[in-house]
Amino acid sequence: MQTLDFVDQIKACDELEVVDIVKDEEYMVIKYIPKDQHYRVTVAAIKENEWKVLKDILTEVREAIVLDHFARIVGYFSKVSNWNKSKLGELKDRHEGDYSILPEEKIKTKKETQVYAEASK
């Protein structure tokens, strides 16, 4: 679908309105009036999808398609799509990690660990 056609469809729909068009970053802000919900729709998403699909997402008939994934690794959230190969590998390793809790008898207390570390010096 072309961007101008999308804007025309929005204008023809009573439930939706174009709030802003950000040309530098190539997206539009669309408001779903009944719920006062705002959506950021990229030009790429407009070009790749049919009007019915976009309208159903914007009017909450169906769930939105996840276009960007965010992760919190080092204390702040960032887009996974901006990460290099190494950082993506780290995220994959974290997803595959074993985070199960050990039985009580196998857990060393902080004091036992310190005693062990001092004894091995």
N, C-alpha and C. Protein backbone atom coordinates (compact mmCIF):
# COMPACT_ATOMS: atom_id res chain seq x y z
N MET A 1 0.84 -1.18 0.00
CA MET A 1 0.00 0.00 0.00
C MET A 1 0.89 1.24 0.00
N GLN A 2 0.47 2.24 -0.71
CA GLN A 2 1.22 3.50 -0.77
C GLN A 2 0.85 4.39 0.42
N THR A 3 1.78 5.22 0.83
CA THR A 3 1.59 6.08 2.00
C THR A 3 0.40 7.02 1.84
N LEU A 4 0.25 7.63 0.67
CA LEU A 4 -0.86 8.56 0.46
C LEU A 4 -2.20 7.84 0.51
N ASP A 5 -2.26 6.62 -0.02
CA ASP A 5 -3.48 5.81 0.07
C ASP A 5 -3.83 5.50 1.52
N PHE A 6 -2.79 5.21 2.32
CA PHE A 6 -2.98 4.93 3.74
C PHE A 6 -3.58 6.15 4.45
N VAL A 7 -3.03 7.32 4.18
CA VAL A 7 -3.55 8.55 4.80
C VAL A 7 -5.00 8.79 4.39
N ASP A 8 -5.31 8.56 3.13
CA ASP A 8 -6.69 8.72 2.65
C ASP A 8 -7.64 7.75 3.36
N GLN A 9 -7.19 6.52 3.56
CA GLN A 9 -8.01 5.51 4.26
C GLN A 9 -8.24 5.93 5.72
N ILE A 10 -7.21 6.47 6.36
CA ILE A 10 -7.33 6.93 7.74
C ILE A 10 -8.36 8.07 7.82
N LYS A 11 -8.26 9.01 6.88
CA LYS A 11 -9.18 10.15 6.87
C LYS A 11 -10.63 9.71 6.65
N ALA A 12 -10.83 8.63 5.91
CA ALA A 12 -12.17 8.11 5.63
C ALA A 12 -12.75 7.31 6.80
N CYS A 13 -11.89 6.95 7.74
CA CYS A 13 -12.32 6.12 8.87
C CYS A 13 -12.64 7.02 10.07
N ASP A 14 -13.84 6.85 10.64
CA ASP A 14 -14.27 7.68 11.78
C ASP A 14 -13.50 7.39 13.07
N GLU A 15 -12.98 6.18 13.19
CA GLU A 15 -12.32 5.78 14.45
C GLU A 15 -10.84 6.17 14.52
N LEU A 16 -10.25 6.54 13.39
CA LEU A 16 -8.81 6.80 13.33
C LEU A 16 -8.53 8.21 12.84
N GLU A 17 -7.38 8.75 13.30
CA GLU A 17 -6.94 10.04 12.77
C GLU A 17 -5.41 10.09 12.77
N VAL A 18 -4.87 10.83 11.80
CA VAL A 18 -3.43 11.03 11.73
C VAL A 18 -3.08 12.16 12.68
N VAL A 19 -2.22 11.88 13.66
CA VAL A 19 -1.82 12.88 14.64
C VAL A 19 -0.56 13.60 14.20
N ASP A 20 0.39 12.84 13.64
CA ASP A 20 1.67 13.42 13.25
C ASP A 20 2.30 12.58 12.14
N ILE A 21 3.04 13.25 11.28
CA ILE A 21 3.84 12.57 10.25
C ILE A 21 5.28 13.01 10.44
N VAL A 22 6.15 12.07 10.79
CA VAL A 22 7.56 12.38 11.03
C VAL A 22 8.33 11.90 9.81
N LYS A 23 8.63 12.83 8.92
CA LYS A 23 9.26 12.48 7.65
C LYS A 23 10.71 12.05 7.82
N ASP A 24 11.44 12.68 8.77
CA ASP A 24 12.86 12.35 8.97
C ASP A 24 13.05 10.88 9.33
N GLU A 25 12.18 10.38 10.21
CA GLU A 25 12.32 9.00 10.68
C GLU A 25 11.34 8.04 10.00
N GLU A 26 10.56 8.56 9.07
CA GLU A 26 9.65 7.77 8.24
C GLU A 26 8.63 6.97 9.04
N TYR A 27 7.85 7.67 9.85
CA TYR A 27 6.73 7.03 10.52
C TYR A 27 5.61 8.04 10.74
N MET A 28 4.43 7.51 11.06
CA MET A 28 3.26 8.34 11.36
C MET A 28 2.72 7.94 12.72
N VAL A 29 2.12 8.90 13.40
CA VAL A 29 1.44 8.61 14.65
C VAL A 29 -0.06 8.62 14.35
N ILE A 30 -0.70 7.49 14.61
CA ILE A 30 -2.13 7.33 14.33
C ILE A 30 -2.85 7.15 15.66
N LYS A 31 -3.97 7.84 15.82
CA LYS A 31 -4.76 7.76 17.05
C LYS A 31 -6.02 6.93 16.81
N TYR A 32 -6.25 5.97 17.70
CA TYR A 32 -7.49 5.20 17.72
C TYR A 32 -8.41 5.93 18.69
N ILE A 33 -9.34 6.68 18.17
CA ILE A 33 -10.14 7.65 18.93
C ILE A 33 -10.95 7.02 20.07
N PRO A 34 -11.67 5.90 19.87
CA PRO A 34 -12.50 5.36 20.97
C PRO A 34 -11.73 5.06 22.26
N LYS A 35 -10.48 4.66 22.15
CA LYS A 35 -9.70 4.32 23.34
C LYS A 35 -8.57 5.31 23.60
N ASP A 36 -8.49 6.37 22.80
CA ASP A 36 -7.43 7.37 22.92
C ASP A 36 -6.04 6.71 22.92
N GLN A 37 -5.89 5.71 22.06
CA GLN A 37 -4.65 4.95 21.93
C GLN A 37 -3.87 5.47 20.72
N HIS A 38 -2.56 5.69 20.89
CA HIS A 38 -1.72 6.17 19.80
C HIS A 38 -0.79 5.06 19.32
N TYR A 39 -0.62 4.98 18.01
CA TYR A 39 0.25 3.98 17.40
C TYR A 39 1.29 4.66 16.53
N ARG A 40 2.48 4.13 16.55
CA ARG A 40 3.54 4.58 15.65
C ARG A 40 3.61 3.57 14.51
N VAL A 41 3.31 4.03 13.30
CA VAL A 41 3.29 3.13 12.14
C VAL A 41 4.38 3.58 11.18
N THR A 42 5.31 2.69 10.90
CA THR A 42 6.41 3.04 10.00
C THR A 42 5.95 2.98 8.55
N VAL A 43 6.63 3.73 7.70
CA VAL A 43 6.34 3.73 6.27
C VAL A 43 6.56 2.32 5.71
N ALA A 44 7.58 1.64 6.21
CA ALA A 44 7.85 0.27 5.76
C ALA A 44 6.67 -0.65 6.07
N ALA A 45 6.07 -0.52 7.26
CA ALA A 45 4.92 -1.34 7.63
C ALA A 45 3.73 -1.04 6.74
N ILE A 46 3.57 0.23 6.37
CA ILE A 46 2.47 0.63 5.48
C ILE A 46 2.65 0.00 4.11
N LYS A 47 3.88 0.03 3.59
CA LYS A 47 4.15 -0.50 2.26
C LYS A 47 4.05 -2.02 2.21
N GLU A 48 4.34 -2.69 3.33
CA GLU A 48 4.37 -4.15 3.35
C GLU A 48 3.02 -4.80 3.63
N ASN A 49 2.02 -4.02 4.11
CA ASN A 49 0.75 -4.60 4.53
C ASN A 49 -0.43 -4.00 3.78
N GLU A 50 -1.49 -4.75 3.73
CA GLU A 50 -2.74 -4.28 3.12
C GLU A 50 -3.49 -3.42 4.13
N TRP A 51 -4.40 -2.57 3.63
CA TRP A 51 -5.18 -1.69 4.48
C TRP A 51 -5.96 -2.46 5.53
N LYS A 52 -6.60 -3.58 5.16
CA LYS A 52 -7.41 -4.35 6.11
C LYS A 52 -6.58 -4.80 7.30
N VAL A 53 -5.38 -5.28 7.05
CA VAL A 53 -4.50 -5.74 8.13
C VAL A 53 -4.15 -4.57 9.04
N LEU A 54 -3.74 -3.46 8.45
CA LEU A 54 -3.36 -2.28 9.24
C LEU A 54 -4.55 -1.75 10.05
N LYS A 55 -5.71 -1.68 9.43
CA LYS A 55 -6.90 -1.18 10.11
C LYS A 55 -7.27 -2.08 11.28
N ASP A 56 -7.23 -3.40 11.07
CA ASP A 56 -7.56 -4.35 12.14
C ASP A 56 -6.62 -4.21 13.33
N ILE A 57 -5.36 -3.94 13.07
CA ILE A 57 -4.39 -3.75 14.15
C ILE A 57 -4.66 -2.43 14.86
N LEU A 58 -4.86 -1.36 14.09
CA LEU A 58 -5.07 -0.04 14.68
C LEU A 58 -6.39 0.07 15.44
N THR A 59 -7.39 -0.68 15.04
CA THR A 59 -8.68 -0.65 15.73
C THR A 59 -8.82 -1.80 16.73
N GLU A 60 -7.74 -2.48 16.99
CA GLU A 60 -7.63 -3.54 18.00
C GLU A 60 -8.53 -4.74 17.73
N VAL A 61 -8.82 -5.00 16.44
CA VAL A 61 -9.55 -6.20 16.07
C VAL A 61 -8.61 -7.40 16.18
N ARG A 62 -7.34 -7.18 15.87
CA ARG A 62 -6.33 -8.23 16.03
C ARG A 62 -5.11 -7.62 16.69
N GLU A 63 -4.26 -8.49 17.23
CA GLU A 63 -3.06 -8.01 17.92
C GLU A 63 -2.05 -7.47 16.92
N ALA A 64 -1.29 -6.51 17.38
CA ALA A 64 -0.26 -5.92 16.54
C ALA A 64 0.87 -6.91 16.28
N ILE A 65 1.52 -6.75 15.17
CA ILE A 65 2.67 -7.56 14.82
C ILE A 65 3.88 -6.92 15.49
N VAL A 66 4.68 -7.71 16.17
CA VAL A 66 5.86 -7.16 16.84
C VAL A 66 6.91 -6.88 15.78
N LEU A 67 7.30 -5.63 15.69
CA LEU A 67 8.29 -5.23 14.70
C LEU A 67 9.66 -5.01 15.32
N ASP A 68 9.68 -4.57 16.57
CA ASP A 68 10.94 -4.34 17.27
C ASP A 68 10.93 -5.10 18.59
N HIS A 69 12.04 -5.72 18.92
CA HIS A 69 12.18 -6.39 20.19
C HIS A 69 13.12 -5.56 21.06
N PHE A 70 12.78 -5.43 22.34
CA PHE A 70 13.61 -4.71 23.28
C PHE A 70 14.09 -5.66 24.34
N ALA A 71 15.28 -5.40 24.87
CA ALA A 71 15.82 -6.23 25.93
C ALA A 71 16.55 -5.35 26.93
N ARG A 72 16.60 -5.83 28.16
CA ARG A 72 17.30 -5.10 29.21
C ARG A 72 18.44 -5.99 29.67
N ILE A 73 19.64 -5.68 29.25
CA ILE A 73 20.79 -6.51 29.60
C ILE A 73 21.69 -5.79 30.59
N VAL A 74 22.06 -4.59 30.30
CA VAL A 74 23.06 -3.87 31.12
C VAL A 74 22.45 -2.68 31.86
N GLY A 75 21.21 -2.80 32.29
CA GLY A 75 20.61 -1.77 33.10
C GLY A 75 19.72 -0.79 32.36
N TYR A 76 19.62 -0.91 31.06
CA TYR A 76 18.72 -0.04 30.31
C TYR A 76 18.14 -0.83 29.14
N PHE A 77 17.02 -0.35 28.61
CA PHE A 77 16.36 -1.03 27.50
C PHE A 77 16.94 -0.52 26.18
N SER A 78 17.09 -1.41 25.23
CA SER A 78 17.55 -1.00 23.90
C SER A 78 16.96 -1.95 22.86
N LYS A 79 16.90 -1.46 21.61
CA LYS A 79 16.37 -2.26 20.51
C LYS A 79 17.35 -3.37 20.16
N VAL A 80 16.84 -4.57 20.10
CA VAL A 80 17.68 -5.71 19.72
C VAL A 80 18.14 -5.58 18.27
N SER A 81 17.33 -4.94 17.44
CA SER A 81 17.70 -4.79 16.03
C SER A 81 18.94 -3.93 15.82
N ASN A 82 19.32 -3.15 16.83
CA ASN A 82 20.53 -2.31 16.73
C ASN A 82 21.78 -3.02 17.23
N TRP A 83 21.65 -4.23 17.73
CA TRP A 83 22.78 -4.92 18.34
C TRP A 83 23.68 -5.59 17.31
N ASN A 84 24.96 -5.72 17.67
CA ASN A 84 25.90 -6.43 16.80
C ASN A 84 25.78 -7.94 17.06
N LYS A 85 26.50 -8.71 16.26
CA LYS A 85 26.42 -10.18 16.32
C LYS A 85 26.81 -10.71 17.69
N SER A 86 27.80 -10.13 18.31
CA SER A 86 28.28 -10.58 19.61
C SER A 86 27.22 -10.39 20.70
N LYS A 87 26.58 -9.23 20.72
CA LYS A 87 25.55 -8.94 21.72
C LYS A 87 24.33 -9.84 21.52
N LEU A 88 23.97 -10.13 20.25
CA LEU A 88 22.86 -11.04 19.98
C LEU A 88 23.18 -12.45 20.49
N GLY A 89 24.44 -12.85 20.36
CA GLY A 89 24.88 -14.15 20.88
C GLY A 89 24.76 -14.22 22.39
N GLU A 90 25.11 -13.11 23.04
CA GLU A 90 24.99 -13.04 24.50
C GLU A 90 23.53 -13.18 24.93
N LEU A 91 22.63 -12.52 24.21
CA LEU A 91 21.20 -12.62 24.52
C LEU A 91 20.70 -14.05 24.34
N LYS A 92 21.13 -14.69 23.27
CA LYS A 92 20.74 -16.08 23.01
C LYS A 92 21.24 -16.99 24.13
N ASP A 93 22.48 -16.78 24.58
CA ASP A 93 23.04 -17.57 25.67
C ASP A 93 22.24 -17.38 26.96
N ARG A 94 21.80 -16.16 27.19
CA ARG A 94 21.00 -15.89 28.40
C ARG A 94 19.67 -16.61 28.33
N HIS A 95 19.07 -16.70 27.14
CA HIS A 95 17.80 -17.40 27.00
C HIS A 95 17.96 -18.91 27.19
N GLU A 96 19.13 -19.44 26.84
CA GLU A 96 19.37 -20.87 26.94
C GLU A 96 19.97 -21.27 28.29
N GLY A 97 20.27 -20.32 29.13
CA GLY A 97 20.93 -20.59 30.41
C GLY A 97 20.08 -21.41 31.36
N ASP A 98 20.75 -22.10 32.29
CA ASP A 98 20.07 -22.90 33.30
C ASP A 98 20.02 -22.08 34.59
N TYR A 99 18.85 -21.59 34.92
CA TYR A 99 18.68 -20.74 36.09
C TYR A 99 17.90 -21.45 37.19
N SER A 100 17.97 -22.78 37.19
CA SER A 100 17.25 -23.54 38.21
C SER A 100 17.95 -23.37 39.56
N ILE A 101 17.18 -23.56 40.62
CA ILE A 101 17.70 -23.42 41.98
C ILE A 101 18.26 -24.77 42.42
N LEU A 102 19.46 -24.73 42.98
CA LEU A 102 20.10 -25.95 43.45
C LEU A 102 19.47 -26.42 44.75
N PRO A 103 19.54 -27.74 45.03
CA PRO A 103 19.06 -28.22 46.33
C PRO A 103 19.85 -27.54 47.46
N GLU A 104 19.25 -27.41 48.64
CA GLU A 104 19.87 -26.67 49.74
C GLU A 104 21.25 -27.17 50.11
N GLU A 105 21.46 -28.47 50.09
CA GLU A 105 22.76 -29.00 50.52
C GLU A 105 23.90 -28.61 49.57
N LYS A 106 23.58 -28.24 48.32
CA LYS A 106 24.63 -27.87 47.37
C LYS A 106 24.92 -26.37 47.36
N ILE A 107 24.13 -25.58 48.07
CA ILE A 107 24.32 -24.14 48.10
C ILE A 107 25.30 -23.79 49.21
N LYS A 108 26.37 -23.10 48.86
CA LYS A 108 27.33 -22.66 49.86
C LYS A 108 26.93 -21.28 50.33
N THR A 109 27.04 -21.07 51.62
CA THR A 109 26.76 -19.74 52.13
C THR A 109 27.94 -18.83 51.81
N LYS A 110 27.74 -17.55 51.92
CA LYS A 110 28.80 -16.58 51.65
C LYS A 110 30.00 -16.83 52.55
N LYS A 111 29.73 -17.13 53.82
CA LYS A 111 30.80 -17.38 54.78
C LYS A 111 31.60 -18.62 54.38
N GLU A 112 30.93 -19.73 53.99
CA GLU A 112 31.62 -20.94 53.57
C GLU A 112 32.47 -20.68 52.35
N THR A 113 31.98 -19.88 51.42
CA THR A 113 32.74 -19.55 50.21
C THR A 113 33.99 -18.76 50.57
N GLN A 114 33.89 -17.81 51.49
CA GLN A 114 35.04 -17.02 51.90
C GLN A 114 36.08 -17.89 52.58
N VAL A 115 35.63 -18.80 53.45
CA VAL A 115 36.55 -19.71 54.15
C VAL A 115 37.27 -20.57 53.14
N TYR A 116 36.56 -21.10 52.13
CA TYR A 116 37.16 -21.92 51.10
C TYR A 116 38.20 -21.14 50.31
N ALA A 117 37.87 -19.87 49.96
CA ALA A 117 38.78 -19.04 49.18
C ALA A 117 40.04 -18.73 49.98
N GLU A 118 39.91 -18.48 51.29
CA GLU A 118 41.07 -18.18 52.13
C GLU A 118 41.94 -19.41 52.31
N ALA A 119 41.33 -20.60 52.44
CA ALA A 119 42.07 -21.83 52.64
C ALA A 119 42.85 -22.22 51.41
N SER A 120 42.37 -21.85 50.24
CA SER A 120 43.08 -22.25 49.02
C SER A 120 44.21 -21.30 48.66
N LYS A 121 44.41 -20.24 49.42
CA LYS A 121 45.51 -19.29 49.14
C LYS A 121 46.83 -19.84 49.54
